[in-house]
Amino acid sequence: MTAAWRRTSYSDGTGGMCVEVADNLPHTVPVRDSKRPEGPALVFDRASWATFVRTLKRRRP
């Protein structure tokens, strides 16, 4: 299966600080810097990623 990358809602809309995530994979969620798509990606298991996103949503104003 190929990663389907998308820009996250937490990214800067000016093209500066942009984070992309591929949440279409069955067991892992890779995250990368959109300015370096050929560069390395951080890879999280789905449970850890879900906890991270839940925590961010609770802290959102």
PDB file of N, CA and C in Angstrom:
ATOM      1  N   MET A   1       0.847  -1.176   0.000  1.00  0.00           N
ATOM      2  CA  MET A   1       0.000   0.000   0.000  1.00  0.00           C
ATOM      3  C   MET A   1       0.894   1.241   0.000  1.00  0.00           C
ATOM      4  N   THR A   2       0.514   2.236  -0.763  1.00  0.00           N
ATOM      5  CA  THR A   2       1.267   3.476  -0.872  1.00  0.00           C
ATOM      6  C   THR A   2       0.694   4.529   0.070  1.00  0.00           C
ATOM      7  N   ALA A   3       1.577   5.282   0.704  1.00  0.00           N
ATOM      8  CA  ALA A   3       1.148   6.349   1.610  1.00  0.00           C
ATOM      9  C   ALA A   3       0.466   7.460   0.820  1.00  0.00           C
ATOM     10  N   ALA A   4      -0.706   7.882   1.293  1.00  0.00           N
ATOM     11  CA  ALA A   4      -1.437   9.010   0.711  1.00  0.00           C
ATOM     12  C   ALA A   4      -1.235  10.204   1.652  1.00  0.00           C
ATOM     13  N   TRP A   5      -0.312  11.078   1.294  1.00  0.00           N
ATOM     14  CA  TRP A   5       0.059  12.194   2.153  1.00  0.00           C
ATOM     15  C   TRP A   5      -0.958  13.321   2.058  1.00  0.00           C
ATOM     16  N   ARG A   6      -1.231  13.964   3.215  1.00  0.00           N
ATOM     17  CA  ARG A   6      -2.085  15.149   3.246  1.00  0.00           C
ATOM     18  C   ARG A   6      -1.522  16.118   4.271  1.00  0.00           C
ATOM     19  N   ARG A   7      -1.754  17.384   4.051  1.00  0.00           N
ATOM     20  CA  ARG A   7      -1.296  18.413   4.986  1.00  0.00           C
ATOM     21  C   ARG A   7      -2.235  18.423   6.192  1.00  0.00           C
ATOM     22  N   THR A   8      -1.673  18.504   7.378  1.00  0.00           N
ATOM     23  CA  THR A   8      -2.489  18.491   8.594  1.00  0.00           C
ATOM     24  C   THR A   8      -3.122  19.844   8.849  1.00  0.00           C
ATOM     25  N   SER A   9      -4.171  19.850   9.649  1.00  0.00           N
ATOM     26  CA  SER A   9      -4.865  21.095   9.977  1.00  0.00           C
ATOM     27  C   SER A   9      -4.017  21.990  10.875  1.00  0.00           C
ATOM     28  N   TYR A  10      -2.950  21.473  11.450  1.00  0.00           N
ATOM     29  CA  TYR A  10      -2.064  22.258  12.304  1.00  0.00           C
ATOM     30  C   TYR A  10      -0.957  22.949  11.520  1.00  0.00           C
ATOM     31  N   SER A  11      -0.945  22.785  10.206  1.00  0.00           N
ATOM     32  CA  SER A  11       0.107  23.375   9.388  1.00  0.00           C
ATOM     33  C   SER A  11      -0.122  24.861   9.189  1.00  0.00           C
ATOM     34  N   ASP A  12       0.966  25.567   8.991  1.00  0.00           N
ATOM     35  CA  ASP A  12       0.948  26.992   8.700  1.00  0.00           C
ATOM     36  C   ASP A  12       0.458  27.172   7.260  1.00  0.00           C
ATOM     37  N   GLY A  13      -0.543  27.981   7.042  1.00  0.00           N
ATOM     38  CA  GLY A  13      -1.118  28.181   5.712  1.00  0.00           C
ATOM     39  C   GLY A  13      -0.251  28.966   4.755  1.00  0.00           C
ATOM     40  N   THR A  14       0.880  29.491   5.203  1.00  0.00           N
ATOM     41  CA  THR A  14       1.741  30.301   4.351  1.00  0.00           C
ATOM     42  C   THR A  14       2.828  29.489   3.663  1.00  0.00           C
ATOM     43  N   GLY A  15       2.825  28.194   3.840  1.00  0.00           N
ATOM     44  CA  GLY A  15       3.852  27.366   3.234  1.00  0.00           C
ATOM     45  C   GLY A  15       5.093  27.218   4.087  1.00  0.00           C
ATOM     46  N   GLY A  16       5.043  27.728   5.300  1.00  0.00           N
ATOM     47  CA  GLY A  16       6.190  27.662   6.192  1.00  0.00           C
ATOM     48  C   GLY A  16       6.256  26.359   6.956  1.00  0.00           C
ATOM     49  N   MET A  17       5.618  26.315   8.094  1.00  0.00           N
ATOM     50  CA  MET A  17       5.668  25.131   8.953  1.00  0.00           C
ATOM     51  C   MET A  17       4.560  24.155   8.551  1.00  0.00           C
ATOM     52  N   CYS A  18       4.864  23.245   7.667  1.00  0.00           N
ATOM     53  CA  CYS A  18       3.852  22.329   7.158  1.00  0.00           C
ATOM     54  C   CYS A  18       4.206  20.886   7.509  1.00  0.00           C
ATOM     55  N   VAL A  19       3.259  20.225   8.091  1.00  0.00           N
ATOM     56  CA  VAL A  19       3.409  18.826   8.458  1.00  0.00           C
ATOM     57  C   VAL A  19       2.436  18.021   7.612  1.00  0.00           C
ATOM     58  N   GLU A  20       2.929  16.933   7.041  1.00  0.00           N
ATOM     59  CA  GLU A  20       2.075  16.036   6.276  1.00  0.00           C
ATOM     60  C   GLU A  20       1.993  14.704   6.996  1.00  0.00           C
ATOM     61  N   VAL A  21       0.847  14.082   6.895  1.00  0.00           N
ATOM     62  CA  VAL A  21       0.604  12.798   7.536  1.00  0.00           C
ATOM     63  C   VAL A  21      -0.032  11.859   6.509  1.00  0.00           C
ATOM     64  N   ALA A  22       0.296  10.590   6.616  1.00  0.00           N
ATOM     65  CA  ALA A  22      -0.330   9.576   5.759  1.00  0.00           C
ATOM     66  C   ALA A  22      -1.080   8.622   6.695  1.00  0.00           C
ATOM     67  N   ASP A  23      -2.360   8.900   6.886  1.00  0.00           N
ATOM     68  CA  ASP A  23      -3.134   8.090   7.830  1.00  0.00           C
ATOM     69  C   ASP A  23      -3.976   7.017   7.155  1.00  0.00           C
ATOM     70  N   ASN A  24      -3.591   6.642   5.940  1.00  0.00           N
ATOM     71  CA  ASN A  24      -4.317   5.607   5.220  1.00  0.00           C
ATOM     72  C   ASN A  24      -3.688   4.215   5.349  1.00  0.00           C
ATOM     73  N   LEU A  25      -2.595   4.103   6.064  1.00  0.00           N
ATOM     74  CA  LEU A  25      -1.919   2.813   6.208  1.00  0.00           C
ATOM     75  C   LEU A  25      -2.521   2.042   7.386  1.00  0.00           C
ATOM     76  N   PRO A  26      -2.563   0.730   7.326  1.00  0.00           N
ATOM     77  CA  PRO A  26      -3.290  -0.047   8.337  1.00  0.00           C
ATOM     78  C   PRO A  26      -2.698  -0.041   9.748  1.00  0.00           C
ATOM     79  N   HIS A  27      -1.387  -0.027   9.906  1.00  0.00           N
ATOM     80  CA  HIS A  27      -0.800  -0.193  11.246  1.00  0.00           C
ATOM     81  C   HIS A  27       0.086   0.954  11.699  1.00  0.00           C
ATOM     82  N   THR A  28       0.482   1.820  10.762  1.00  0.00           N
ATOM     83  CA  THR A  28       1.407   2.902  11.098  1.00  0.00           C
ATOM     84  C   THR A  28       0.912   4.226  10.539  1.00  0.00           C
ATOM     85  N   VAL A  29       1.419   5.304  11.129  1.00  0.00           N
ATOM     86  CA  VAL A  29       1.101   6.660  10.653  1.00  0.00           C
ATOM     87  C   VAL A  29       2.416   7.408  10.487  1.00  0.00           C
ATOM     88  N   PRO A  30       2.902   7.533   9.250  1.00  0.00           N
ATOM     89  CA  PRO A  30       4.117   8.312   9.027  1.00  0.00           C
ATOM     90  C   PRO A  30       3.798   9.808   8.976  1.00  0.00           C
ATOM     91  N   VAL A  31       4.744  10.615   9.447  1.00  0.00           N
ATOM     92  CA  VAL A  31       4.616  12.072   9.479  1.00  0.00           C
ATOM     93  C   VAL A  31       5.904  12.646   8.904  1.00  0.00           C
ATOM     94  N   ARG A  32       5.780  13.676   8.049  1.00  0.00           N
ATOM     95  CA  ARG A  32       6.975  14.258   7.438  1.00  0.00           C
ATOM     96  C   ARG A  32       6.835  15.769   7.292  1.00  0.00           C
ATOM     97  N   ASP A  33       7.954  16.407   7.030  1.00  0.00           N
ATOM     98  CA  ASP A  33       8.018  17.834   6.741  1.00  0.00           C
ATOM     99  C   ASP A  33       7.702  18.004   5.257  1.00  0.00           C
ATOM    100  N   SER A  34       6.693  18.792   4.925  1.00  0.00           N
ATOM    101  CA  SER A  34       6.297  18.939   3.521  1.00  0.00           C
ATOM    102  C   SER A  34       7.363  19.628   2.678  1.00  0.00           C
ATOM    103  N   LYS A  35       8.259  20.365   3.313  1.00  0.00           N
ATOM    104  CA  LYS A  35       9.336  21.013   2.560  1.00  0.00           C
ATOM    105  C   LYS A  35      10.416  20.007   2.145  1.00  0.00           C
ATOM    106  N   ARG A  36      10.410  18.826   2.771  1.00  0.00           N
ATOM    107  CA  ARG A  36      11.397  17.792   2.456  1.00  0.00           C
ATOM    108  C   ARG A  36      10.688  16.449   2.228  1.00  0.00           C
ATOM    109  N   PRO A  37       9.839  16.350   1.212  1.00  0.00           N
ATOM    110  CA  PRO A  37       9.079  15.121   1.005  1.00  0.00           C
ATOM    111  C   PRO A  37       9.948  13.890   0.739  1.00  0.00           C
ATOM    112  N   GLU A  38      11.173  14.113   0.259  1.00  0.00           N
ATOM    113  CA  GLU A  38      12.083  12.989   0.016  1.00  0.00           C
ATOM    114  C   GLU A  38      12.861  12.620   1.273  1.00  0.00           C
ATOM    115  N   GLY A  39      12.761  13.462   2.285  1.00  0.00           N
ATOM    116  CA  GLY A  39      13.513  13.252   3.526  1.00  0.00           C
ATOM    117  C   GLY A  39      12.875  12.198   4.414  1.00  0.00           C
ATOM    118  N   PRO A  40      13.402  12.060   5.612  1.00  0.00           N
ATOM    119  CA  PRO A  40      12.903  11.024   6.521  1.00  0.00           C
ATOM    120  C   PRO A  40      11.505  11.355   7.054  1.00  0.00           C
ATOM    121  N   ALA A  41      10.815  10.321   7.466  1.00  0.00           N
ATOM    122  CA  ALA A  41       9.505  10.467   8.099  1.00  0.00           C
ATOM    123  C   ALA A  41       9.568   9.839   9.484  1.00  0.00           C
ATOM    124  N   LEU A  42       8.861  10.436  10.415  1.00  0.00           N
ATOM    125  CA  LEU A  42       8.674   9.805  11.720  1.00  0.00           C
ATOM    126  C   LEU A  42       7.509   8.842  11.567  1.00  0.00           C
ATOM    127  N   VAL A  43       7.626   7.668  12.162  1.00  0.00           N
ATOM    128  CA  VAL A  43       6.569   6.658  12.017  1.00  0.00           C
ATOM    129  C   VAL A  43       6.059   6.278  13.397  1.00  0.00           C
ATOM    130  N   PHE A  44       4.738   6.396  13.557  1.00  0.00           N
ATOM    131  CA  PHE A  44       4.078   6.089  14.826  1.00  0.00           C
ATOM    132  C   PHE A  44       3.123   4.923  14.644  1.00  0.00           C
ATOM    133  N   ASP A  45       2.918   4.152  15.699  1.00  0.00           N
ATOM    134  CA  ASP A  45       1.850   3.152  15.621  1.00  0.00           C
ATOM    135  C   ASP A  45       0.524   3.902  15.765  1.00  0.00           C
ATOM    136  N   ARG A  46      -0.568   3.311  15.291  1.00  0.00           N
ATOM    137  CA  ARG A  46      -1.856   3.995  15.239  1.00  0.00           C
ATOM    138  C   ARG A  46      -2.347   4.424  16.620  1.00  0.00           C
ATOM    139  N   ALA A  47      -2.143   3.618  17.643  1.00  0.00           N
ATOM    140  CA  ALA A  47      -2.616   3.961  18.989  1.00  0.00           C
ATOM    141  C   ALA A  47      -1.882   5.192  19.525  1.00  0.00           C
ATOM    142  N   SER A  48      -0.588   5.262  19.327  1.00  0.00           N
ATOM    143  CA  SER A  48       0.186   6.415  19.786  1.00  0.00           C
ATOM    144  C   SER A  48      -0.241   7.674  19.045  1.00  0.00           C
ATOM    145  N   TRP A  49      -0.447   7.556  17.750  1.00  0.00           N
ATOM    146  CA  TRP A  49      -0.876   8.707  16.960  1.00  0.00           C
ATOM    147  C   TRP A  49      -2.251   9.203  17.425  1.00  0.00           C
ATOM    148  N   ALA A  50      -3.164   8.293  17.674  1.00  0.00           N
ATOM    149  CA  ALA A  50      -4.507   8.666  18.135  1.00  0.00           C
ATOM    150  C   ALA A  50      -4.434   9.408  19.474  1.00  0.00           C
ATOM    151  N   THR A  51      -3.585   8.948  20.373  1.00  0.00           N
ATOM    152  CA  THR A  51      -3.410   9.620  21.662  1.00  0.00           C
ATOM    153  C   THR A  51      -2.849  11.022  21.457  1.00  0.00           C
ATOM    154  N   PHE A  52      -1.881  11.173  20.593  1.00  0.00           N
ATOM    155  CA  PHE A  52      -1.282  12.469  20.292  1.00  0.00           C
ATOM    156  C   PHE A  52      -2.330  13.447  19.749  1.00  0.00           C
ATOM    157  N   VAL A  53      -3.118  13.010  18.777  1.00  0.00           N
ATOM    158  CA  VAL A  53      -4.136  13.873  18.169  1.00  0.00           C
ATOM    159  C   VAL A  53      -5.209  14.247  19.190  1.00  0.00           C
ATOM    160  N   ARG A  54      -5.641  13.302  20.001  1.00  0.00           N
ATOM    161  CA  ARG A  54      -6.633  13.572  21.050  1.00  0.00           C
ATOM    162  C   ARG A  54      -6.123  14.642  22.024  1.00  0.00           C
ATOM    163  N   THR A  55      -4.868  14.540  22.399  1.00  0.00           N
ATOM    164  CA  THR A  55      -4.273  15.515  23.310  1.00  0.00           C
ATOM    165  C   THR A  55      -4.224  16.904  22.673  1.00  0.00           C
ATOM    166  N   LEU A  56      -3.846  16.983  21.413  1.00  0.00           N
ATOM    167  CA  LEU A  56      -3.825  18.274  20.719  1.00  0.00           C
ATOM    168  C   LEU A  56      -5.211  18.891  20.650  1.00  0.00           C
ATOM    169  N   LYS A  57      -6.217  18.091  20.364  1.00  0.00           N
ATOM    170  CA  LYS A  57      -7.584  18.605  20.249  1.00  0.00           C
ATOM    171  C   LYS A  57      -8.078  19.155  21.586  1.00  0.00           C
ATOM    172  N   ARG A  58      -7.707  18.541  22.692  1.00  0.00           N
ATOM    173  CA  ARG A  58      -8.107  19.029  23.996  1.00  0.00           C
ATOM    174  C   ARG A  58      -7.462  20.369  24.315  1.00  0.00           C
ATOM    175  N   ARG A  59      -6.290  20.623  23.785  1.00  0.00           N
ATOM    176  CA  ARG A  59      -5.552  21.856  24.075  1.00  0.00           C
ATOM    177  C   ARG A  59      -5.847  22.969  23.091  1.00  0.00           C
ATOM    178  N   ARG A  60      -6.609  22.692  22.068  1.00  0.00           N
ATOM    179  CA  ARG A  60      -6.927  23.686  21.050  1.00  0.00           C
ATOM    180  C   ARG A  60      -7.880  24.738  21.621  1.00  0.00           C
ATOM    181  N   PRO A  61      -7.601  26.032  21.353  1.00  0.00           N
ATOM    182  CA  PRO A  61      -8.488  27.094  21.882  1.00  0.00           C
ATOM    183  C   PRO A  61      -9.850  27.099  21.225  1.00  0.00           C
TER     184      PRO A  61
END
